Every structure is written in C-alpha cells, then in structure tokens.
C-alpha cells in the first residue's frame, strides 16, 4: 500500500511498464513561452502580443530556476525519473516521515547558531564577551572577516582585519547576520567539485534571499533575515542526499527530469519546516516555513510574505544573470511580488555581488 502510494505520488514506475508523460507541465509552458518570445520579430503585431500574454499567464519560475542547478544536460521533458532520482526520492519520502534522521545525520544545525544569535540580539549583554566567544572558533572568525571584506558586505575601502573592527564598521545587527551566515554555511560540507556544480548555486540563492528579506522587512528584520537564510535548508538536505547518491549512480547519470525539479520545489520547503521544528528554534520559524511550503498559495502578510517575495526576486535575478529569463516574463513576475523594474534593477545590481 505504502509503495503504491509513493509511486503514484512521484510518478515513479517500474522499468517494464514505464509510460511516457503526455501532459504539459507549467515548466514546459514557460519554456515554450520563452522560445516563442525570442522567435518574435521586434515589430510584433497586436495578435502576437496577445499570444505572448496568453503564454505568460502561468510562469513556474522555481521550475526554471533548477536549470541553473543542473546545467550540463538537456532537461528531460518526459516526466520519468532515472535511477539516481528514484533513489533520492525514496530518501526524501523517509526524511518527510522522520526528519530526526536528516537532522542528526545529514544536516546538523550548528549548536552555537542560536546561542550566538540570542546573545547578539541582547542589547544588555557585553559585546566584548560575545566577540571573545566568536574568537574561540578561529575558522568562524576567518569566515566572518572574509564576508566583511566581500563586495556584498563591505562598508569601507579599508579592509577589516579583526572582529572588533568589524563591529565598529558594520554594527551589532550586521555582525549578527554575518555570524548567522557563517554558522549556517557549516551545514554544507561536501567535496569541492560537487559544491561548485550544485551547492554553490543553492547557497548563493539562500544568501540572496536572506539579504533581500532583511531589506524588505518592515519590522524584526534580523529574524526575517534568519528565516530567509533557513528557508532553503530542505533544498540543502536534498542536495546532500543527491551527493551521496552520486557514488552509487551509473556513470554520467544526472538529475535532469522535470519531475525531479518539481519535487525539489514542492517538497523542500516542507522539509525545511520539519527540520526547524526538530531543531527547536522558535515556533514562528516553523510556522512561517509551513506557510511557504504551500506553493499554490502565496502568503499574504508577515515574515512569510517577505521571504516569499525575496525568493522570487532572487530567482529572477539569478535567471536574468544567466540569460534564462525574458523581459516579458520578468515584468510579469515583478508584478506578482509588487516591485517596479527600477527597484528590481537596484536590487539586482547588489545581488550580482553575492
């Protein structure tokens, strides 16, 4: 019974009776719209413009976003999972029913992350004591200084050489965010070759969403920043499962079906919410992640809406930078997140520095 339900849920079939996927997914519609847009002459007629508007009526930007993660092969359009994808799908099913195994063995939340975050949030605590605590971890200190001197976070032409100087230049709130970023990054511990191919883009996206969330939030921006940073921990967990599965995969086998891309979109946020509950971070994080996990309904208020908007903006920025998003699609998506092209251009310029 459980096996049949799982196969039906993920469209996984036995090799001897696999049938071709005959439906047209939203990602396929979006790709067709992109091709149609590029094929139109610059002096399009009003009839062509109407067709273009119809094709853009439903844009699955998240599905297209995964072409950035799996760029080496043409994505399969038949909806049939290969052996590598089936193995990861099975692990995802297990993770959703038992997040404890994932939290303990695949994606451990650094024990210091909430401790340091709470201390940096407390205005009454002696900041020198917090800096001493950070300095006890040389690797953490080095990573913080690297971020301080990166184009995305640099606040002065003068290089930051110690944590006290970082505090003076950036302030307590910004230092708090950088500490959180560095500790969260510790969860991604994979071989560099695989990190460059997949994890780098996931991590870059998480950083962008966190930054945008902090910028867009009207209140409690530090907590919203952390929510944005943690919203994709489910993707990171799936990514690490994928890396482990590579060792057992057939040579050259890659995740490249639309089915797997859609699975990453629909299931990773649910896994993020479950992991947040297991990690026992404040309930508001898991509650907001659960709202985000319902991909069919956009949040209408609060921190979840901020992170949802930040996520779409980041995906648009990364796709635009990779020349995978047409102007018409971009304008449509910016309308959904309620920002102008001018505001997006300003944010996009900052995001390219990540």
Foldseek 3Di string as FASTA:
>chain_A
DVVVVLCVVLVEDDPVDRDFADDQDLQNLQVVLVVLVVPADPPDDVVSVVVSCVSLPGHDLLLVLCCQLVVPDAFDARSYWDPLLVQLSVVLVVCLVPVVCLCVPQFPQPPCLVVLLVQLVDPPHDVVVSQVVQVVDVVLFVQLQVVCPFPLNDQDPDRDDGVVSSCVRRNSLVSSLSSNLSSNCVRQDDDPVSCVNHVVVLQLLLQQLLVQLLVPDPPPSSVLSNLSNLQQVLVSSSSRVSRVSVVVDDPPDDGRYSSSSVCSLQRSLSSSLVSCVVVVDDNVSSVLSVQVNPVVDADDDDSSNSSVLSSLLSSLLVCVVVVNDDPVSSCVSCVVNVDDPVVSVVSSVSSVSD
